[in-house]
């Protein structure tokens, strides 16, 4: 199936879903549809002047192995920084992480 046909089917499914939603109950503002292992279609609703506009964008999928390799490299640098007593870069990285994930990382009795 080509991307145009895939987009039409995805938008039809998302619109059907959105029309059946009760405001505030089981609502999703976006859905992802897998086109291939390298490409997904993200369909979402944008509210403008009280009207729902159905939008989309194509997103490439980053291979997990590549990201894990990058994470491993970062961990090595973090270990070195901690051993050297330099927490500046780690502090900057942590500022990008949402608060709920930082709290979830901490032990309960911390």
PDB file of N, CA and C in Angstrom:
ATOM      1  N   UNK A   1       0.851  -1.173   0.000  1.00  0.00           N
ATOM      2  CA  UNK A   1       0.000   0.000   0.000  1.00  0.00           C
ATOM      3  C   UNK A   1       0.901   1.242   0.000  1.00  0.00           C
ATOM      4  N   UNK A   2       0.565   2.205  -0.834  1.00  0.00           N
ATOM      5  CA  UNK A   2       1.374   3.422  -0.863  1.00  0.00           C
ATOM      6  C   UNK A   2       1.012   4.340   0.312  1.00  0.00           C
ATOM      7  N   UNK A   3       1.836   5.350   0.522  1.00  0.00           N
ATOM      8  CA  UNK A   3       1.648   6.231   1.683  1.00  0.00           C
ATOM      9  C   UNK A   3       0.333   7.001   1.626  1.00  0.00           C
ATOM     10  N   UNK A   4      -0.118   7.388   0.460  1.00  0.00           N
ATOM     11  CA  UNK A   4      -1.376   8.130   0.328  1.00  0.00           C
ATOM     12  C   UNK A   4      -2.556   7.277   0.770  1.00  0.00           C
ATOM     13  N   UNK A   5      -2.611   6.024   0.305  1.00  0.00           N
ATOM     14  CA  UNK A   5      -3.697   5.122   0.708  1.00  0.00           C
ATOM     15  C   UNK A   5      -3.629   4.825   2.206  1.00  0.00           C
ATOM     16  N   UNK A   6      -2.414   4.632   2.700  1.00  0.00           N
ATOM     17  CA  UNK A   6      -2.225   4.365   4.125  1.00  0.00           C
ATOM     18  C   UNK A   6      -2.729   5.540   4.953  1.00  0.00           C
ATOM     19  N   UNK A   7      -2.393   6.761   4.535  1.00  0.00           N
ATOM     20  CA  UNK A   7      -2.829   7.968   5.231  1.00  0.00           C
ATOM     21  C   UNK A   7      -4.349   8.050   5.267  1.00  0.00           C
ATOM     22  N   UNK A   8      -5.005   7.799   4.140  1.00  0.00           N
ATOM     23  CA  UNK A   8      -6.472   7.863   4.089  1.00  0.00           C
ATOM     24  C   UNK A   8      -7.099   6.878   5.063  1.00  0.00           C
ATOM     25  N   UNK A   9      -6.589   5.644   5.095  1.00  0.00           N
ATOM     26  CA  UNK A   9      -7.139   4.641   6.001  1.00  0.00           C
ATOM     27  C   UNK A   9      -6.915   5.022   7.461  1.00  0.00           C
ATOM     28  N   UNK A  10      -5.715   5.523   7.769  1.00  0.00           N
ATOM     29  CA  UNK A  10      -5.404   5.915   9.143  1.00  0.00           C
ATOM     30  C   UNK A  10      -6.285   7.074   9.592  1.00  0.00           C
ATOM     31  N   UNK A  11      -6.451   8.069   8.745  1.00  0.00           N
ATOM     32  CA  UNK A  11      -7.297   9.220   9.093  1.00  0.00           C
ATOM     33  C   UNK A  11      -8.749   8.790   9.287  1.00  0.00           C
ATOM     34  N   UNK A  12      -9.233   7.884   8.457  1.00  0.00           N
ATOM     35  CA  UNK A  12     -10.599   7.388   8.584  1.00  0.00           C
ATOM     36  C   UNK A  12     -10.777   6.680   9.929  1.00  0.00           C
ATOM     37  N   UNK A  13      -9.815   5.840  10.294  1.00  0.00           N
ATOM     38  CA  UNK A  13      -9.885   5.135  11.583  1.00  0.00           C
ATOM     39  C   UNK A  13      -9.843   6.113  12.748  1.00  0.00           C
ATOM     40  N   UNK A  14      -8.960   7.100  12.665  1.00  0.00           N
ATOM     41  CA  UNK A  14      -8.823   8.050  13.766  1.00  0.00           C
ATOM     42  C   UNK A  14     -10.072   8.920  13.888  1.00  0.00           C
ATOM     43  N   UNK A  15     -10.618   9.377  12.774  1.00  0.00           N
ATOM     44  CA  UNK A  15     -11.841  10.188  12.816  1.00  0.00           C
ATOM     45  C   UNK A  15     -12.996   9.389  13.400  1.00  0.00           C
ATOM     46  N   UNK A  16     -13.117   8.118  13.009  1.00  0.00           N
ATOM     47  CA  UNK A  16     -14.185   7.272  13.552  1.00  0.00           C
ATOM     48  C   UNK A  16     -14.009   7.111  15.058  1.00  0.00           C
ATOM     49  N   UNK A  17     -12.789   6.931  15.490  1.00  0.00           N
ATOM     50  CA  UNK A  17     -12.507   6.840  16.917  1.00  0.00           C
ATOM     51  C   UNK A  17     -12.884   8.147  17.619  1.00  0.00           C
ATOM     52  N   UNK A  18     -12.430   9.274  17.070  1.00  0.00           N
ATOM     53  CA  UNK A  18     -12.638  10.580  17.700  1.00  0.00           C
ATOM     54  C   UNK A  18     -14.116  10.945  17.785  1.00  0.00           C
ATOM     55  N   UNK A  19     -14.897  10.573  16.777  1.00  0.00           N
ATOM     56  CA  UNK A  19     -16.321  10.893  16.786  1.00  0.00           C
ATOM     57  C   UNK A  19     -17.070  10.117  17.863  1.00  0.00           C
ATOM     58  N   UNK A  20     -16.555   8.938  18.238  1.00  0.00           N
ATOM     59  CA  UNK A  20     -17.224   8.121  19.243  1.00  0.00           C
ATOM     60  C   UNK A  20     -16.787   8.383  20.661  1.00  0.00           C
ATOM     61  N   UNK A  21     -15.923   9.353  20.846  1.00  0.00           N
ATOM     62  CA  UNK A  21     -15.377   9.628  22.171  1.00  0.00           C
ATOM     63  C   UNK A  21     -16.259  10.599  22.932  1.00  0.00           C
ATOM     64  N   UNK A  22     -16.492  10.293  24.197  1.00  0.00           N
ATOM     65  CA  UNK A  22     -17.167  11.233  25.084  1.00  0.00           C
ATOM     66  C   UNK A  22     -16.084  12.135  25.649  1.00  0.00           C
ATOM     67  N   UNK A  23     -16.298  13.417  25.599  1.00  0.00           N
ATOM     68  CA  UNK A  23     -15.291  14.385  26.026  1.00  0.00           C
ATOM     69  C   UNK A  23     -14.764  14.041  27.416  1.00  0.00           C
ATOM     70  N   UNK A  24     -13.453  13.859  27.508  1.00  0.00           N
ATOM     71  CA  UNK A  24     -12.813  13.587  28.785  1.00  0.00           C
ATOM     72  C   UNK A  24     -12.786  12.122  29.180  1.00  0.00           C
ATOM     73  N   UNK A  25     -13.401  11.244  28.395  1.00  0.00           N
ATOM     74  CA  UNK A  25     -13.428   9.829  28.731  1.00  0.00           C
ATOM     75  C   UNK A  25     -12.699   9.041  27.647  1.00  0.00           C
ATOM     76  N   UNK A  26     -11.687   8.300  28.041  1.00  0.00           N
ATOM     77  CA  UNK A  26     -10.914   7.482  27.096  1.00  0.00           C
ATOM     78  C   UNK A  26     -10.485   8.272  25.865  1.00  0.00           C
ATOM     79  N   UNK A  27     -10.047   9.462  26.063  1.00  0.00           N
ATOM     80  CA  UNK A  27      -9.701  10.325  24.936  1.00  0.00           C
ATOM     81  C   UNK A  27      -8.216  10.257  24.637  1.00  0.00           C
ATOM     82  N   UNK A  28      -7.879  10.119  23.393  1.00  0.00           N
ATOM     83  CA  UNK A  28      -6.492  10.189  22.950  1.00  0.00           C
ATOM     84  C   UNK A  28      -6.399  11.327  21.949  1.00  0.00           C
ATOM     85  N   UNK A  29      -5.415  12.182  22.123  1.00  0.00           N
ATOM     86  CA  UNK A  29      -5.267  13.296  21.193  1.00  0.00           C
ATOM     87  C   UNK A  29      -4.439  12.903  19.974  1.00  0.00           C
ATOM     88  N   UNK A  30      -3.771  11.746  20.051  1.00  0.00           N
ATOM     89  CA  UNK A  30      -3.015  11.302  18.887  1.00  0.00           C
ATOM     90  C   UNK A  30      -2.935   9.781  18.881  1.00  0.00           C
ATOM     91  N   UNK A  31      -2.721   9.251  17.690  1.00  0.00           N
ATOM     92  CA  UNK A  31      -2.537   7.823  17.513  1.00  0.00           C
ATOM     93  C   UNK A  31      -1.404   7.623  16.517  1.00  0.00           C
ATOM     94  N   UNK A  32      -0.678   6.542  16.695  1.00  0.00           N
ATOM     95  CA  UNK A  32       0.406   6.208  15.782  1.00  0.00           C
ATOM     96  C   UNK A  32       0.027   4.969  14.982  1.00  0.00           C
ATOM     97  N   UNK A  33       0.303   5.008  13.698  1.00  0.00           N
ATOM     98  CA  UNK A  33       0.058   3.888  12.804  1.00  0.00           C
ATOM     99  C   UNK A  33       1.390   3.478  12.187  1.00  0.00           C
ATOM    100  N   UNK A  34       1.712   2.199  12.278  1.00  0.00           N
ATOM    101  CA  UNK A  34       2.988   1.717  11.755  1.00  0.00           C
ATOM    102  C   UNK A  34       2.857   1.464  10.261  1.00  0.00           C
ATOM    103  N   UNK A  35       3.639   2.197   9.491  1.00  0.00           N
ATOM    104  CA  UNK A  35       3.671   2.018   8.039  1.00  0.00           C
ATOM    105  C   UNK A  35       4.740   1.003   7.657  1.00  0.00           C
ATOM    106  N   UNK A  36       5.899   1.104   8.284  1.00  0.00           N
ATOM    107  CA  UNK A  36       6.996   0.160   8.080  1.00  0.00           C
ATOM    108  C   UNK A  36       7.843   0.190   9.341  1.00  0.00           C
ATOM    109  N   UNK A  37       8.875  -0.644   9.399  1.00  0.00           N
ATOM    110  CA  UNK A  37       9.701  -0.633  10.604  1.00  0.00           C
ATOM    111  C   UNK A  37      10.544   0.632  10.724  1.00  0.00           C
ATOM    112  N   UNK A  38      10.604   1.410   9.658  1.00  0.00           N
ATOM    113  CA  UNK A  38      11.356   2.671   9.700  1.00  0.00           C
ATOM    114  C   UNK A  38      10.470   3.906   9.741  1.00  0.00           C
ATOM    115  N   UNK A  39       9.167   3.748   9.514  1.00  0.00           N
ATOM    116  CA  UNK A  39       8.298   4.915   9.358  1.00  0.00           C
ATOM    117  C   UNK A  39       6.944   4.695  10.021  1.00  0.00           C
ATOM    118  N   UNK A  40       6.529   5.692  10.816  1.00  0.00           N
ATOM    119  CA  UNK A  40       5.185   5.662  11.395  1.00  0.00           C
ATOM    120  C   UNK A  40       4.443   6.927  10.983  1.00  0.00           C
ATOM    121  N   UNK A  41       3.144   6.829  11.029  1.00  0.00           N
ATOM    122  CA  UNK A  41       2.279   7.975  10.756  1.00  0.00           C
ATOM    123  C   UNK A  41       1.645   8.381  12.075  1.00  0.00           C
ATOM    124  N   UNK A  42       1.852   9.622  12.491  1.00  0.00           N
ATOM    125  CA  UNK A  42       1.251  10.144  13.714  1.00  0.00           C
ATOM    126  C   UNK A  42       0.072  11.013  13.304  1.00  0.00           C
ATOM    127  N   UNK A  43      -1.120  10.634  13.764  1.00  0.00           N
ATOM    128  CA  UNK A  43      -2.345  11.370  13.459  1.00  0.00           C
ATOM    129  C   UNK A  43      -2.817  11.991  14.769  1.00  0.00           C
ATOM    130  N   UNK A  44      -3.187  13.263  14.717  1.00  0.00           N
ATOM    131  CA  UNK A  44      -3.589  13.930  15.949  1.00  0.00           C
ATOM    132  C   UNK A  44      -4.648  14.991  15.672  1.00  0.00           C
ATOM    133  N   UNK A  45      -5.269  15.447  16.757  1.00  0.00           N
ATOM    134  CA  UNK A  45      -6.299  16.483  16.674  1.00  0.00           C
ATOM    135  C   UNK A  45      -5.699  17.788  17.161  1.00  0.00           C
ATOM    136  N   UNK A  46      -5.942  18.840  16.406  1.00  0.00           N
ATOM    137  CA  UNK A  46      -5.556  20.180  16.821  1.00  0.00           C
ATOM    138  C   UNK A  46      -6.836  20.994  16.926  1.00  0.00           C
ATOM    139  N   UNK A  47      -7.045  21.617  18.077  1.00  0.00           N
ATOM    140  CA  UNK A  47      -8.257  22.420  18.264  1.00  0.00           C
ATOM    141  C   UNK A  47      -7.971  23.863  17.878  1.00  0.00           C
ATOM    142  N   UNK A  48      -8.801  24.385  16.990  1.00  0.00           N
ATOM    143  CA  UNK A  48      -8.637  25.763  16.537  1.00  0.00           C
ATOM    144  C   UNK A  48     -10.019  26.388  16.428  1.00  0.00           C
ATOM    145  N   UNK A  49     -10.252  27.455  17.168  1.00  0.00           N
ATOM    146  CA  UNK A  49     -11.557  28.128  17.180  1.00  0.00           C
ATOM    147  C   UNK A  49     -12.689  27.159  17.508  1.00  0.00           C
ATOM    148  N   UNK A  50     -12.408  26.219  18.431  1.00  0.00           N
ATOM    149  CA  UNK A  50     -13.425  25.272  18.858  1.00  0.00           C
ATOM    150  C   UNK A  50     -13.688  24.138  17.879  1.00  0.00           C
ATOM    151  N   UNK A  51     -12.959  24.088  16.792  1.00  0.00           N
ATOM    152  CA  UNK A  51     -13.139  23.024  15.806  1.00  0.00           C
ATOM    153  C   UNK A  51     -11.954  22.071  15.857  1.00  0.00           C
ATOM    154  N   UNK A  52     -12.237  20.795  15.680  1.00  0.00           N
ATOM    155  CA  UNK A  52     -11.173  19.792  15.667  1.00  0.00           C
ATOM    156  C   UNK A  52     -10.622  19.674  14.253  1.00  0.00           C
ATOM    157  N   UNK A  53      -9.341  19.881  14.121  1.00  0.00           N
ATOM    158  CA  UNK A  53      -8.667  19.696  12.836  1.00  0.00           C
ATOM    159  C   UNK A  53      -7.836  18.422  12.937  1.00  0.00           C
ATOM    160  N   UNK A  54      -8.007  17.541  11.989  1.00  0.00           N
ATOM    161  CA  UNK A  54      -7.255  16.302  11.989  1.00  0.00           C
ATOM    162  C   UNK A  54      -5.967  16.526  11.216  1.00  0.00           C
ATOM    163  N   UNK A  55      -4.848  16.313  11.883  1.00  0.00           N
ATOM    164  CA  UNK A  55      -3.545  16.575  11.310  1.00  0.00           C
ATOM    165  C   UNK A  55      -2.718  15.290  11.305  1.00  0.00           C
ATOM    166  N   UNK A  56      -1.628  15.320  10.572  1.00  0.00           N
ATOM    167  CA  UNK A  56      -0.746  14.158  10.558  1.00  0.00           C
ATOM    168  C   UNK A  56       0.685  14.580  10.270  1.00  0.00           C
ATOM    169  N   UNK A  57       1.591  13.683  10.599  1.00  0.00           N
ATOM    170  CA  UNK A  57       2.983  13.861  10.198  1.00  0.00           C
ATOM    171  C   UNK A  57       3.633  12.484  10.147  1.00  0.00           C
ATOM    172  N   UNK A  58       4.545  12.350   9.242  1.00  0.00           N
ATOM    173  CA  UNK A  58       5.318  11.123   9.103  1.00  0.00           C
ATOM    174  C   UNK A  58       6.533  11.225  10.008  1.00  0.00           C
ATOM    175  N   UNK A  59       6.835  10.164  10.739  1.00  0.00           N
ATOM    176  CA  UNK A  59       7.965  10.167  11.663  1.00  0.00           C
ATOM    177  C   UNK A  59       8.846   8.952  11.390  1.00  0.00           C
ATOM    178  N   UNK A  60      10.127   9.193  11.328  1.00  0.00           N
ATOM    179  CA  UNK A  60      11.030   8.066  11.176  1.00  0.00           C
ATOM    180  C   UNK A  60      11.245   7.416  12.536  1.00  0.00           C
ATOM    181  N   UNK A  61      11.479   6.138  12.516  1.00  0.00           N
ATOM    182  CA  UNK A  61      11.679   5.383  13.744  1.00  0.00           C
ATOM    183  C   UNK A  61      13.174   5.146  13.910  1.00  0.00           C
ATOM    184  N   UNK A  62      13.675   5.557  15.045  1.00  0.00           N
ATOM    185  CA  UNK A  62      15.089   5.358  15.345  1.00  0.00           C
ATOM    186  C   UNK A  62      15.276   3.919  15.815  1.00  0.00           C
ATOM    187  N   UNK A  63      16.150   3.180  15.175  1.00  0.00           N
ATOM    188  CA  UNK A  63      16.372   1.802  15.615  1.00  0.00           C
ATOM    189  C   UNK A  63      16.790   1.751  17.081  1.00  0.00           C
ATOM    190  N   UNK A  64      16.203   0.848  17.831  1.00  0.00           N
ATOM    191  CA  UNK A  64      16.465   0.748  19.266  1.00  0.00           C
ATOM    192  C   UNK A  64      17.935   0.447  19.534  1.00  0.00           C
ATOM    193  N   UNK A  65      18.535  -0.410  18.704  1.00  0.00           N
ATOM    194  CA  UNK A  65      19.934  -0.771  18.923  1.00  0.00           C
ATOM    195  C   UNK A  65      20.827   0.466  18.852  1.00  0.00           C
ATOM    196  N   UNK A  66      20.574   1.344  17.895  1.00  0.00           N
ATOM    197  CA  UNK A  66      21.378   2.551  17.745  1.00  0.00           C
ATOM    198  C   UNK A  66      21.234   3.449  18.966  1.00  0.00           C
ATOM    199  N   UNK A  67      20.021   3.576  19.478  1.00  0.00           N
ATOM    200  CA  UNK A  67      19.797   4.419  20.642  1.00  0.00           C
ATOM    201  C   UNK A  67      20.469   3.807  21.868  1.00  0.00           C
ATOM    202  N   UNK A  68      20.390   2.484  22.006  1.00  0.00           N
ATOM    203  CA  UNK A  68      21.016   1.837  23.152  1.00  0.00           C
ATOM    204  C   UNK A  68      22.527   2.032  23.138  1.00  0.00           C
ATOM    205  N   UNK A  69      23.109   1.981  21.956  1.00  0.00           N
ATOM    206  CA  UNK A  69      24.552   2.214  21.841  1.00  0.00           C
ATOM    207  C   UNK A  69      24.895   3.633  22.297  1.00  0.00           C
ATOM    208  N   UNK A  70      24.069   4.597  21.893  1.00  0.00           N
ATOM    209  CA  UNK A  70      24.273   5.986  22.309  1.00  0.00           C
ATOM    210  C   UNK A  70      24.120   6.124  23.826  1.00  0.00           C
ATOM    211  N   UNK A  71      23.115   5.469  24.389  1.00  0.00           N
ATOM    212  CA  UNK A  71      22.900   5.506  25.844  1.00  0.00           C
ATOM    213  C   UNK A  71      24.104   4.919  26.566  1.00  0.00           C
ATOM    214  N   UNK A  72      24.601   3.799  26.069  1.00  0.00           N
ATOM    215  CA  UNK A  72      25.769   3.171  26.691  1.00  0.00           C
ATOM    216  C   UNK A  72      26.980   4.104  26.666  1.00  0.00           C
ATOM    217  N   UNK A  73      27.172   4.805  25.557  1.00  0.00           N
ATOM    218  CA  UNK A  73      28.284   5.752  25.458  1.00  0.00           C
ATOM    219  C   UNK A  73      28.107   6.888  26.475  1.00  0.00           C
ATOM    220  N   UNK A  74      26.884   7.374  26.601  1.00  0.00           N
ATOM    221  CA  UNK A  74      26.604   8.449  27.569  1.00  0.00           C
ATOM    222  C   UNK A  74      26.858   7.971  28.998  1.00  0.00           C
ATOM    223  N   UNK A  75      26.464   6.724  29.285  1.00  0.00           N
ATOM    224  CA  UNK A  75      26.693   6.185  30.633  1.00  0.00           C
ATOM    225  C   UNK A  75      28.179   6.132  30.975  1.00  0.00           C
ATOM    226  N   UNK A  76      29.002   5.804  29.990  1.00  0.00           N
ATOM    227  CA  UNK A  76      30.453   5.789  30.227  1.00  0.00           C
ATOM    228  C   UNK A  76      30.963   7.190  30.578  1.00  0.00           C
ATOM    229  N   UNK A  77      30.464   8.189  29.867  1.00  0.00           N
ATOM    230  CA  UNK A  77      30.870   9.574  30.157  1.00  0.00           C
ATOM    231  C   UNK A  77      30.349   9.987  31.538  1.00  0.00           C
ATOM    232  N   UNK A  78      29.128   9.591  31.870  1.00  0.00           N
ATOM    233  CA  UNK A  78      28.560   9.921  33.181  1.00  0.00           C
ATOM    234  C   UNK A  78      29.403   9.299  34.288  1.00  0.00           C
ATOM    235  N   UNK A  79      29.791   8.038  34.124  1.00  0.00           N
ATOM    236  CA  UNK A  79      30.639   7.374  35.134  1.00  0.00           C
ATOM    237  C   UNK A  79      31.945   8.139  35.337  1.00  0.00           C
ATOM    238  N   UNK A  80      32.542   8.562  34.230  1.00  0.00           N
ATOM    239  CA  UNK A  80      33.800   9.312  34.316  1.00  0.00           C
ATOM    240  C   UNK A  80      33.585  10.652  35.024  1.00  0.00           C
ATOM    241  N   UNK A  81      32.486  11.344  34.630  1.00  0.00           N
ATOM    242  CA  UNK A  81      32.189  12.641  35.260  1.00  0.00           C
ATOM    243  C   UNK A  81      31.974  12.492  36.764  1.00  0.00           C
ATOM    244  N   UNK A  82      31.237  11.446  37.172  1.00  0.00           N
ATOM    245  CA  UNK A  82      30.982  11.224  38.602  1.00  0.00           C
ATOM    246  C   UNK A  82      32.301  10.920  39.317  1.00  0.00           C
ATOM    247  N   UNK A  83      33.127  10.068  38.719  1.00  0.00           N
ATOM    248  CA  UNK A  83      34.423   9.740  39.320  1.00  0.00           C
ATOM    249  C   UNK A  83      35.292  10.988  39.473  1.00  0.00           C
ATOM    250  N   UNK A  84      35.166  11.926  38.515  1.00  0.00           N
ATOM    251  CA  UNK A  84      35.935  13.173  38.565  1.00  0.00           C
ATOM    252  C   UNK A  84      35.258  14.243  39.430  1.00  0.00           C
ATOM    253  N   UNK A  85      34.055  13.941  39.930  1.00  0.00           N
ATOM    254  CA  UNK A  85      33.335  14.904  40.767  1.00  0.00           C
ATOM    255  C   UNK A  85      32.669  16.027  39.988  1.00  0.00           C
ATOM    256  N   UNK A  86      32.505  15.859  38.681  1.00  0.00           N
ATOM    257  CA  UNK A  86      31.882  16.890  37.837  1.00  0.00           C
ATOM    258  C   UNK A  86      30.453  16.471  37.482  1.00  0.00           C
ATOM    259  N   UNK A  87      29.482  17.102  38.104  1.00  0.00           N
ATOM    260  CA  UNK A  87      28.071  16.769  37.878  1.00  0.00           C
ATOM    261  C   UNK A  87      27.351  17.783  37.006  1.00  0.00           C
ATOM    262  N   UNK A  88      28.057  18.724  36.428  1.00  0.00           N
ATOM    263  CA  UNK A  88      27.455  19.806  35.653  1.00  0.00           C
ATOM    264  C   UNK A  88      26.638  19.288  34.473  1.00  0.00           C
ATOM    265  N   UNK A  89      27.225  18.441  33.645  1.00  0.00           N
ATOM    266  CA  UNK A  89      26.529  17.933  32.455  1.00  0.00           C
ATOM    267  C   UNK A  89      25.353  17.036  32.847  1.00  0.00           C
ATOM    268  N   UNK A  90      25.531  16.251  33.917  1.00  0.00           N
ATOM    269  CA  UNK A  90      24.448  15.377  34.382  1.00  0.00           C
ATOM    270  C   UNK A  90      23.273  16.227  34.866  1.00  0.00           C
ATOM    271  N   UNK A  91      23.576  17.289  35.584  1.00  0.00           N
ATOM    272  CA  UNK A  91      22.528  18.207  36.046  1.00  0.00           C
ATOM    273  C   UNK A  91      21.756  18.781  34.862  1.00  0.00           C
ATOM    274  N   UNK A  92      22.468  19.147  33.806  1.00  0.00           N
ATOM    275  CA  UNK A  92      21.809  19.690  32.616  1.00  0.00           C
ATOM    276  C   UNK A  92      20.913  18.647  31.954  1.00  0.00           C
ATOM    277  N   UNK A  93      21.390  17.422  31.843  1.00  0.00           N
ATOM    278  CA  UNK A  93      20.580  16.345  31.258  1.00  0.00           C
ATOM    279  C   UNK A  93      19.312  16.095  32.073  1.00  0.00           C
ATOM    280  N   UNK A  94      19.451  16.060  33.393  1.00  0.00           N
ATOM    281  CA  UNK A  94      18.302  15.778  34.261  1.00  0.00           C
ATOM    282  C   UNK A  94      17.220  16.855  34.143  1.00  0.00           C
ATOM    283  N   UNK A  95      17.617  18.061  33.800  1.00  0.00           N
ATOM    284  CA  UNK A  95      16.632  19.133  33.638  1.00  0.00           C
ATOM    285  C   UNK A  95      15.711  18.911  32.451  1.00  0.00           C
ATOM    286  N   UNK A  96      16.087  18.039  31.517  1.00  0.00           N
ATOM    287  CA  UNK A  96      15.235  17.723  30.366  1.00  0.00           C
ATOM    288  C   UNK A  96      14.223  16.620  30.676  1.00  0.00           C
ATOM    289  N   UNK A  97      14.381  15.944  31.796  1.00  0.00           N
ATOM    290  CA  UNK A  97      13.509  14.820  32.144  1.00  0.00           C
ATOM    291  C   UNK A  97      12.310  15.349  32.920  1.00  0.00           C
ATOM    292  N   UNK A  98      11.075  14.973  32.499  1.00  0.00           N
ATOM    293  CA  UNK A  98       9.893  15.426  33.229  1.00  0.00           C
ATOM    294  C   UNK A  98       9.935  15.001  34.702  1.00  0.00           C
ATOM    295  N   UNK A  99       9.380  15.839  35.557  1.00  0.00           N
ATOM    296  CA  UNK A  99       9.421  15.641  37.002  1.00  0.00           C
ATOM    297  C   UNK A  99       8.873  14.277  37.424  1.00  0.00           C
ATOM    298  N   UNK A 100       7.808  13.814  36.770  1.00  0.00           N
ATOM    299  CA  UNK A 100       7.206  12.547  37.176  1.00  0.00           C
ATOM    300  C   UNK A 100       8.180  11.376  36.989  1.00  0.00           C
ATOM    301  N   UNK A 101       9.054  11.450  35.977  1.00  0.00           N
ATOM    302  CA  UNK A 101      10.038  10.387  35.770  1.00  0.00           C
ATOM    303  C   UNK A 101      11.177  10.479  36.785  1.00  0.00           C
ATOM    304  N   UNK A 102      11.556  11.693  37.128  1.00  0.00           N
ATOM    305  CA  UNK A 102      12.580  11.865  38.158  1.00  0.00           C
ATOM    306  C   UNK A 102      12.079  11.309  39.494  1.00  0.00           C
ATOM    307  N   UNK A 103      10.837  11.625  39.848  1.00  0.00           N
ATOM    308  CA  UNK A 103      10.258  11.104  41.097  1.00  0.00           C
ATOM    309  C   UNK A 103      10.136   9.583  41.044  1.00  0.00           C
ATOM    310  N   UNK A 104       9.785   9.046  39.893  1.00  0.00           N
ATOM    311  CA  UNK A 104       9.667   7.604  39.734  1.00  0.00           C
ATOM    312  C   UNK A 104      11.006   6.894  39.848  1.00  0.00           C
ATOM    313  N   UNK A 105      12.068   7.582  39.551  1.00  0.00           N
ATOM    314  CA  UNK A 105      13.416   7.013  39.651  1.00  0.00           C
ATOM    315  C   UNK A 105      13.869   6.866  41.097  1.00  0.00           C
ATOM    316  N   UNK A 106      13.411   7.752  41.962  1.00  0.00           N
ATOM    317  CA  UNK A 106      13.850   7.761  43.356  1.00  0.00           C
ATOM    318  C   UNK A 106      13.241   6.604  44.158  1.00  0.00           C
ATOM    319  N   UNK A 107      13.998   6.050  45.108  1.00  0.00           N
ATOM    320  CA  UNK A 107      13.417   5.032  45.999  1.00  0.00           C
ATOM    321  C   UNK A 107      12.291   5.664  46.817  1.00  0.00           C
ATOM    322  N   UNK A 108      11.343   4.850  47.262  1.00  0.00           N
ATOM    323  CA  UNK A 108      10.177   5.381  48.001  1.00  0.00           C
ATOM    324  C   UNK A 108      10.562   6.157  49.245  1.00  0.00           C
ATOM    325  N   UNK A 109      11.571   5.726  49.952  1.00  0.00           N
ATOM    326  CA  UNK A 109      11.937   6.345  51.245  1.00  0.00           C
ATOM    327  C   UNK A 109      13.004   7.418  51.092  1.00  0.00           C
ATOM    328  N   UNK A 110      13.121   7.993  49.909  1.00  0.00           N
ATOM    329  CA  UNK A 110      14.152   9.018  49.708  1.00  0.00           C
ATOM    330  C   UNK A 110      13.650  10.361  50.101  1.00  0.00           C
TER     331      UNK A 110
END
